[in-house]
Amino acid sequence: MRCDLITPATRLQRATKRVQDRWFETVETWDDSISRKFQERYLDPIVPQMQLTLAAIHELLQVLDDAIAETRDEGA
C-alpha cells in the first residue's frame, strides 16, 4: 500500500500557480513600494520553498517505494 503524496503535491503546485497568477493581476493596479515589499517578503519565497517541498516529497516517495520493495523481497 502506497501513501498518496502525489495528490497533495499536485494541489500545492496548482495553488502556488494560482497565487502567482492572482498576484500578476494585482500588480497591474497596485504597483508601489508597499506592493514590492509585500512581494519580496511574502510571495518571492513561495516558489523556491515549493520547489524544495516537492523535491522532498519525491525523495520521500522513492524511499517509501524502496522500503515496500524491500519488504516484499523479504517476504517472498
PDB file of N, CA and C in Angstrom:
ATOM      1  N   MET A   1       0.842  -1.181   0.000  1.00  0.00           N
ATOM      2  CA  MET A   1       0.000   0.000   0.000  1.00  0.00           C
ATOM      3  C   MET A   1       0.884   1.240   0.000  1.00  0.00           C
ATOM      4  N   ARG A   2       0.620   2.133  -0.904  1.00  0.00           N
ATOM      5  CA  ARG A   2       1.449   3.317  -1.063  1.00  0.00           C
ATOM      6  C   ARG A   2       0.712   4.545  -0.546  1.00  0.00           C
ATOM      7  N   CYS A   3       1.440   5.350   0.167  1.00  0.00           N
ATOM      8  CA  CYS A   3       0.894   6.606   0.676  1.00  0.00           C
ATOM      9  C   CYS A   3       0.755   7.577  -0.492  1.00  0.00           C
ATOM     10  N   ASP A   4      -0.393   8.203  -0.611  1.00  0.00           N
ATOM     11  CA  ASP A   4      -0.624   9.137  -1.719  1.00  0.00           C
ATOM     12  C   ASP A   4      -0.088  10.516  -1.367  1.00  0.00           C
ATOM     13  N   LEU A   5       1.097  10.802  -1.872  1.00  0.00           N
ATOM     14  CA  LEU A   5       1.685  12.127  -1.695  1.00  0.00           C
ATOM     15  C   LEU A   5       1.622  12.929  -2.987  1.00  0.00           C
ATOM     16  N   ILE A   6       1.295  12.264  -4.077  1.00  0.00           N
ATOM     17  CA  ILE A   6       1.234  12.938  -5.376  1.00  0.00           C
ATOM     18  C   ILE A   6       0.078  13.934  -5.413  1.00  0.00           C
ATOM     19  N   THR A   7      -1.089  13.528  -4.924  1.00  0.00           N
ATOM     20  CA  THR A   7      -2.260  14.405  -4.956  1.00  0.00           C
ATOM     21  C   THR A   7      -2.017  15.701  -4.188  1.00  0.00           C
ATOM     22  N   PRO A   8      -1.531  15.642  -2.943  1.00  0.00           N
ATOM     23  CA  PRO A   8      -1.264  16.907  -2.240  1.00  0.00           C
ATOM     24  C   PRO A   8      -0.166  17.730  -2.913  1.00  0.00           C
ATOM     25  N   ALA A   9       0.833  17.058  -3.482  1.00  0.00           N
ATOM     26  CA  ALA A   9       1.904  17.786  -4.170  1.00  0.00           C
ATOM     27  C   ALA A   9       1.355  18.524  -5.391  1.00  0.00           C
ATOM     28  N   THR A  10       0.468  17.861  -6.109  1.00  0.00           N
ATOM     29  CA  THR A  10      -0.154  18.497  -7.274  1.00  0.00           C
ATOM     30  C   THR A  10      -1.005  19.683  -6.843  1.00  0.00           C
ATOM     31  N   ARG A  11      -1.739  19.518  -5.744  1.00  0.00           N
ATOM     32  CA  ARG A  11      -2.538  20.634  -5.222  1.00  0.00           C
ATOM     33  C   ARG A  11      -1.655  21.810  -4.826  1.00  0.00           C
ATOM     34  N   LEU A  12      -0.534  21.502  -4.221  1.00  0.00           N
ATOM     35  CA  LEU A  12       0.411  22.545  -3.819  1.00  0.00           C
ATOM     36  C   LEU A  12       0.923  23.311  -5.035  1.00  0.00           C
ATOM     37  N   GLN A  13       1.271  22.587  -6.085  1.00  0.00           N
ATOM     38  CA  GLN A  13       1.733  23.231  -7.320  1.00  0.00           C
ATOM     39  C   GLN A  13       0.651  24.138  -7.895  1.00  0.00           C
ATOM     40  N   ARG A  14      -0.564  23.627  -7.976  1.00  0.00           N
ATOM     41  CA  ARG A  14      -1.667  24.406  -8.555  1.00  0.00           C
ATOM     42  C   ARG A  14      -1.981  25.639  -7.712  1.00  0.00           C
ATOM     43  N   ALA A  15      -1.972  25.486  -6.407  1.00  0.00           N
ATOM     44  CA  ALA A  15      -2.264  26.615  -5.522  1.00  0.00           C
ATOM     45  C   ALA A  15      -1.197  27.697  -5.659  1.00  0.00           C
ATOM     46  N   THR A  16       0.045  27.279  -5.762  1.00  0.00           N
ATOM     47  CA  THR A  16       1.135  28.238  -5.933  1.00  0.00           C
ATOM     48  C   THR A  16       0.981  28.986  -7.250  1.00  0.00           C
ATOM     49  N   LYS A  17       0.620  28.263  -8.288  1.00  0.00           N
ATOM     50  CA  LYS A  17       0.397  28.895  -9.606  1.00  0.00           C
ATOM     51  C   LYS A  17      -0.748  29.894  -9.527  1.00  0.00           C
ATOM     52  N   ARG A  18      -1.829  29.537  -8.827  1.00  0.00           N
ATOM     53  CA  ARG A  18      -2.961  30.457  -8.688  1.00  0.00           C
ATOM     54  C   ARG A  18      -2.557  31.728  -7.945  1.00  0.00           C
ATOM     55  N   VAL A  19      -1.777  31.567  -6.894  1.00  0.00           N
ATOM     56  CA  VAL A  19      -1.303  32.740  -6.145  1.00  0.00           C
ATOM     57  C   VAL A  19      -0.468  33.634  -7.062  1.00  0.00           C
ATOM     58  N   GLN A  20       0.429  33.032  -7.823  1.00  0.00           N
ATOM     59  CA  GLN A  20       1.259  33.808  -8.748  1.00  0.00           C
ATOM     60  C   GLN A  20       0.394  34.524  -9.786  1.00  0.00           C
ATOM     61  N   ASP A  21      -0.556  33.819 -10.367  1.00  0.00           N
ATOM     62  CA  ASP A  21      -1.432  34.419 -11.375  1.00  0.00           C
ATOM     63  C   ASP A  21      -2.217  35.594 -10.794  1.00  0.00           C
ATOM     64  N   ARG A  22      -2.769  35.406  -9.594  1.00  0.00           N
ATOM     65  CA  ARG A  22      -3.539  36.489  -8.952  1.00  0.00           C
ATOM     66  C   ARG A  22      -2.651  37.675  -8.632  1.00  0.00           C
ATOM     67  N   TRP A  23      -1.422  37.387  -8.221  1.00  0.00           N
ATOM     68  CA  TRP A  23      -0.512  38.476  -7.909  1.00  0.00           C
ATOM     69  C   TRP A  23      -0.187  39.278  -9.173  1.00  0.00           C
ATOM     70  N   PHE A  24       0.050  38.594 -10.274  1.00  0.00           N
ATOM     71  CA  PHE A  24       0.342  39.305 -11.527  1.00  0.00           C
ATOM     72  C   PHE A  24      -0.828  40.197 -11.934  1.00  0.00           C
ATOM     73  N   GLU A  25      -2.041  39.728 -11.678  1.00  0.00           N
ATOM     74  CA  GLU A  25      -3.222  40.565 -11.943  1.00  0.00           C
ATOM     75  C   GLU A  25      -3.259  41.759 -10.990  1.00  0.00           C
ATOM     76  N   THR A  26      -2.918  41.516  -9.746  1.00  0.00           N
ATOM     77  CA  THR A  26      -2.974  42.561  -8.726  1.00  0.00           C
ATOM     78  C   THR A  26      -1.988  43.683  -8.999  1.00  0.00           C
ATOM     79  N   VAL A  27      -0.772  43.322  -9.381  1.00  0.00           N
ATOM     80  CA  VAL A  27       0.240  44.373  -9.584  1.00  0.00           C
ATOM     81  C   VAL A  27      -0.041  45.249 -10.801  1.00  0.00           C
ATOM     82  N   GLU A  28      -0.990  44.829 -11.613  1.00  0.00           N
ATOM     83  CA  GLU A  28      -1.393  45.704 -12.713  1.00  0.00           C
ATOM     84  C   GLU A  28      -2.043  46.983 -12.177  1.00  0.00           C
ATOM     85  N   THR A  29      -2.669  46.887 -11.006  1.00  0.00           N
ATOM     86  CA  THR A  29      -3.336  48.060 -10.428  1.00  0.00           C
ATOM     87  C   THR A  29      -2.706  48.512  -9.113  1.00  0.00           C
ATOM     88  N   TRP A  30      -1.867  47.685  -8.514  1.00  0.00           N
ATOM     89  CA  TRP A  30      -1.218  48.038  -7.246  1.00  0.00           C
ATOM     90  C   TRP A  30       0.280  47.825  -7.404  1.00  0.00           C
ATOM     91  N   ASP A  31       0.952  48.879  -7.841  1.00  0.00           N
ATOM     92  CA  ASP A  31       2.382  48.780  -8.107  1.00  0.00           C
ATOM     93  C   ASP A  31       3.082  49.973  -7.463  1.00  0.00           C
ATOM     94  N   ASP A  32       3.412  49.814  -6.197  1.00  0.00           N
ATOM     95  CA  ASP A  32       4.126  50.860  -5.476  1.00  0.00           C
ATOM     96  C   ASP A  32       5.135  50.202  -4.541  1.00  0.00           C
ATOM     97  N   SER A  33       5.772  50.981  -3.709  1.00  0.00           N
ATOM     98  CA  SER A  33       6.804  50.419  -2.827  1.00  0.00           C
ATOM     99  C   SER A  33       6.227  49.404  -1.837  1.00  0.00           C
ATOM    100  N   ILE A  34       4.999  49.626  -1.401  1.00  0.00           N
ATOM    101  CA  ILE A  34       4.374  48.691  -0.462  1.00  0.00           C
ATOM    102  C   ILE A  34       4.109  47.352  -1.146  1.00  0.00           C
ATOM    103  N   SER A  35       3.615  47.389  -2.375  1.00  0.00           N
ATOM    104  CA  SER A  35       3.354  46.125  -3.080  1.00  0.00           C
ATOM    105  C   SER A  35       4.654  45.378  -3.346  1.00  0.00           C
ATOM    106  N   ARG A  36       5.715  46.104  -3.657  1.00  0.00           N
ATOM    107  CA  ARG A  36       7.006  45.451  -3.902  1.00  0.00           C
ATOM    108  C   ARG A  36       7.552  44.824  -2.612  1.00  0.00           C
ATOM    109  N   LYS A  37       7.389  45.521  -1.494  1.00  0.00           N
ATOM    110  CA  LYS A  37       7.821  44.956  -0.208  1.00  0.00           C
ATOM    111  C   LYS A  37       7.001  43.707   0.125  1.00  0.00           C
ATOM    112  N   PHE A  38       5.701  43.780  -0.129  1.00  0.00           N
ATOM    113  CA  PHE A  38       4.832  42.630   0.103  1.00  0.00           C
ATOM    114  C   PHE A  38       5.305  41.449  -0.734  1.00  0.00           C
ATOM    115  N   GLN A  39       5.585  41.707  -2.004  1.00  0.00           N
ATOM    116  CA  GLN A  39       6.044  40.640  -2.901  1.00  0.00           C
ATOM    117  C   GLN A  39       7.360  40.045  -2.414  1.00  0.00           C
ATOM    118  N   GLU A  40       8.296  40.908  -2.061  1.00  0.00           N
ATOM    119  CA  GLU A  40       9.603  40.425  -1.609  1.00  0.00           C
ATOM    120  C   GLU A  40       9.489  39.603  -0.321  1.00  0.00           C
ATOM    121  N   ARG A  41       8.649  40.073   0.598  1.00  0.00           N
ATOM    122  CA  ARG A  41       8.561  39.410   1.902  1.00  0.00           C
ATOM    123  C   ARG A  41       7.728  38.128   1.881  1.00  0.00           C
ATOM    124  N   TYR A  42       6.625  38.149   1.157  1.00  0.00           N
ATOM    125  CA  TYR A  42       5.681  37.034   1.234  1.00  0.00           C
ATOM    126  C   TYR A  42       5.612  36.156  -0.012  1.00  0.00           C
ATOM    127  N   LEU A  43       5.702  36.748  -1.175  1.00  0.00           N
ATOM    128  CA  LEU A  43       5.458  35.967  -2.393  1.00  0.00           C
ATOM    129  C   LEU A  43       6.725  35.389  -3.013  1.00  0.00           C
ATOM    130  N   ASP A  44       7.781  36.171  -3.059  1.00  0.00           N
ATOM    131  CA  ASP A  44       9.007  35.671  -3.687  1.00  0.00           C
ATOM    132  C   ASP A  44       9.529  34.380  -3.050  1.00  0.00           C
ATOM    133  N   PRO A  45       9.416  34.210  -1.735  1.00  0.00           N
ATOM    134  CA  PRO A  45       9.912  32.959  -1.142  1.00  0.00           C
ATOM    135  C   PRO A  45       9.059  31.723  -1.457  1.00  0.00           C
ATOM    136  N   ILE A  46       7.852  31.921  -1.950  1.00  0.00           N
ATOM    137  CA  ILE A  46       6.946  30.784  -2.145  1.00  0.00           C
ATOM    138  C   ILE A  46       7.463  29.790  -3.183  1.00  0.00           C
ATOM    139  N   VAL A  47       7.880  30.260  -4.331  1.00  0.00           N
ATOM    140  CA  VAL A  47       8.273  29.340  -5.409  1.00  0.00           C
ATOM    141  C   VAL A  47       9.484  28.497  -5.013  1.00  0.00           C
ATOM    142  N   PRO A  48      10.567  29.103  -4.517  1.00  0.00           N
ATOM    143  CA  PRO A  48      11.692  28.246  -4.105  1.00  0.00           C
ATOM    144  C   PRO A  48      11.307  27.265  -2.993  1.00  0.00           C
ATOM    145  N   GLN A  49      10.486  27.703  -2.056  1.00  0.00           N
ATOM    146  CA  GLN A  49      10.058  26.809  -0.981  1.00  0.00           C
ATOM    147  C   GLN A  49       9.209  25.667  -1.528  1.00  0.00           C
ATOM    148  N   MET A  50       8.345  25.993  -2.487  1.00  0.00           N
ATOM    149  CA  MET A  50       7.522  24.954  -3.102  1.00  0.00           C
ATOM    150  C   MET A  50       8.406  23.945  -3.835  1.00  0.00           C
ATOM    151  N   GLN A  51       9.426  24.414  -4.531  1.00  0.00           N
ATOM    152  CA  GLN A  51      10.314  23.508  -5.252  1.00  0.00           C
ATOM    153  C   GLN A  51      11.057  22.585  -4.287  1.00  0.00           C
ATOM    154  N   LEU A  52      11.507  23.132  -3.170  1.00  0.00           N
ATOM    155  CA  LEU A  52      12.176  22.305  -2.158  1.00  0.00           C
ATOM    156  C   LEU A  52      11.209  21.277  -1.573  1.00  0.00           C
ATOM    157  N   THR A  53       9.993  21.708  -1.309  1.00  0.00           N
ATOM    158  CA  THR A  53       8.987  20.811  -0.745  1.00  0.00           C
ATOM    159  C   THR A  53       8.665  19.681  -1.708  1.00  0.00           C
ATOM    160  N   LEU A  54       8.461  20.011  -2.965  1.00  0.00           N
ATOM    161  CA  LEU A  54       8.162  18.972  -3.961  1.00  0.00           C
ATOM    162  C   LEU A  54       9.325  18.005  -4.128  1.00  0.00           C
ATOM    163  N   ALA A  55      10.537  18.515  -4.110  1.00  0.00           N
ATOM    164  CA  ALA A  55      11.709  17.633  -4.206  1.00  0.00           C
ATOM    165  C   ALA A  55      11.753  16.688  -3.011  1.00  0.00           C
ATOM    166  N   ALA A  56      11.443  17.203  -1.821  1.00  0.00           N
ATOM    167  CA  ALA A  56      11.423  16.358  -0.625  1.00  0.00           C
ATOM    168  C   ALA A  56      10.327  15.300  -0.712  1.00  0.00           C
ATOM    169  N   ILE A  57       9.176  15.686  -1.234  1.00  0.00           N
ATOM    170  CA  ILE A  57       8.080  14.723  -1.388  1.00  0.00           C
ATOM    171  C   ILE A  57       8.483  13.607  -2.347  1.00  0.00           C
ATOM    172  N   HIS A  58       9.103  13.973  -3.465  1.00  0.00           N
ATOM    173  CA  HIS A  58       9.514  12.955  -4.430  1.00  0.00           C
ATOM    174  C   HIS A  58      10.604  12.047  -3.847  1.00  0.00           C
ATOM    175  N   GLU A  59      11.493  12.626  -3.066  1.00  0.00           N
ATOM    176  CA  GLU A  59      12.521  11.808  -2.414  1.00  0.00           C
ATOM    177  C   GLU A  59      11.882  10.852  -1.406  1.00  0.00           C
ATOM    178  N   LEU A  60      10.924  11.340  -0.644  1.00  0.00           N
ATOM    179  CA  LEU A  60      10.220  10.503   0.315  1.00  0.00           C
ATOM    180  C   LEU A  60       9.484   9.364  -0.393  1.00  0.00           C
ATOM    181  N   LEU A  61       8.852   9.675  -1.519  1.00  0.00           N
ATOM    182  CA  LEU A  61       8.176   8.631  -2.286  1.00  0.00           C
ATOM    183  C   LEU A  61       9.152   7.539  -2.715  1.00  0.00           C
ATOM    184  N   GLN A  62      10.337   7.937  -3.133  1.00  0.00           N
ATOM    185  CA  GLN A  62      11.341   6.958  -3.548  1.00  0.00           C
ATOM    186  C   GLN A  62      11.754   6.079  -2.371  1.00  0.00           C
ATOM    187  N   VAL A  63      11.959   6.701  -1.217  1.00  0.00           N
ATOM    188  CA  VAL A  63      12.323   5.932  -0.019  1.00  0.00           C
ATOM    189  C   VAL A  63      11.208   4.952   0.341  1.00  0.00           C
ATOM    190  N   LEU A  64       9.966   5.415   0.288  1.00  0.00           N
ATOM    191  CA  LEU A  64       8.833   4.530   0.593  1.00  0.00           C
ATOM    192  C   LEU A  64       8.736   3.388  -0.410  1.00  0.00           C
ATOM    193  N   ASP A  65       8.901   3.703  -1.689  1.00  0.00           N
ATOM    194  CA  ASP A  65       8.871   2.648  -2.718  1.00  0.00           C
ATOM    195  C   ASP A  65       9.970   1.615  -2.477  1.00  0.00           C
ATOM    196  N   ASP A  66      11.173   2.094  -2.142  1.00  0.00           N
ATOM    197  CA  ASP A  66      12.284   1.178  -1.874  1.00  0.00           C
ATOM    198  C   ASP A  66      11.981   0.301  -0.660  1.00  0.00           C
ATOM    199  N   ALA A  67      11.404   0.903   0.382  1.00  0.00           N
ATOM    200  CA  ALA A  67      11.077   0.138   1.594  1.00  0.00           C
ATOM    201  C   ALA A  67      10.016  -0.912   1.303  1.00  0.00           C
ATOM    202  N   ILE A  68       9.029  -0.553   0.516  1.00  0.00           N
ATOM    203  CA  ILE A  68       7.970  -1.501   0.156  1.00  0.00           C
ATOM    204  C   ILE A  68       8.562  -2.654  -0.662  1.00  0.00           C
ATOM    205  N   ALA A  69       9.406  -2.308  -1.625  1.00  0.00           N
ATOM    206  CA  ALA A  69      10.023  -3.349  -2.455  1.00  0.00           C
ATOM    207  C   ALA A  69      10.899  -4.267  -1.606  1.00  0.00           C
ATOM    208  N   GLU A  70      11.642  -3.687  -0.676  1.00  0.00           N
ATOM    209  CA  GLU A  70      12.496  -4.486   0.195  1.00  0.00           C
ATOM    210  C   GLU A  70      11.670  -5.417   1.072  1.00  0.00           C
ATOM    211  N   THR A  71      10.569  -4.908   1.578  1.00  0.00           N
ATOM    212  CA  THR A  71       9.688  -5.718   2.418  1.00  0.00           C
ATOM    213  C   THR A  71       9.094  -6.873   1.614  1.00  0.00           C
ATOM    214  N   ARG A  72       8.705  -6.589   0.390  1.00  0.00           N
ATOM    215  CA  ARG A  72       8.149  -7.656  -0.463  1.00  0.00           C
ATOM    216  C   ARG A  72       9.199  -8.714  -0.765  1.00  0.00           C
ATOM    217  N   ASP A  73      10.434  -8.277  -1.027  1.00  0.00           N
ATOM    218  CA  ASP A  73      11.510  -9.213  -1.324  1.00  0.00           C
ATOM    219  C   ASP A  73      11.801 -10.127  -0.141  1.00  0.00           C
ATOM    220  N   GLU A  74      11.719  -9.571   1.077  1.00  0.00           N
ATOM    221  CA  GLU A  74      11.966 -10.360   2.275  1.00  0.00           C
ATOM    222  C   GLU A  74      10.845 -11.372   2.512  1.00  0.00           C
ATOM    223  N   GLY A  75       9.640 -11.007   2.115  1.00  0.00           N
ATOM    224  CA  GLY A  75       8.507 -11.891   2.320  1.00  0.00           C
ATOM    225  C   GLY A  75       8.378 -12.974   1.271  1.00  0.00           C
ATOM    226  N   ALA A  76       9.106 -12.859   0.182  1.00  0.00           N
ATOM    227  CA  ALA A  76       8.986 -13.819  -0.916  1.00  0.00           C
ATOM    228  C   ALA A  76       9.758 -15.088  -0.687  1.00  0.00           C
TER     229      ALA A  76
END
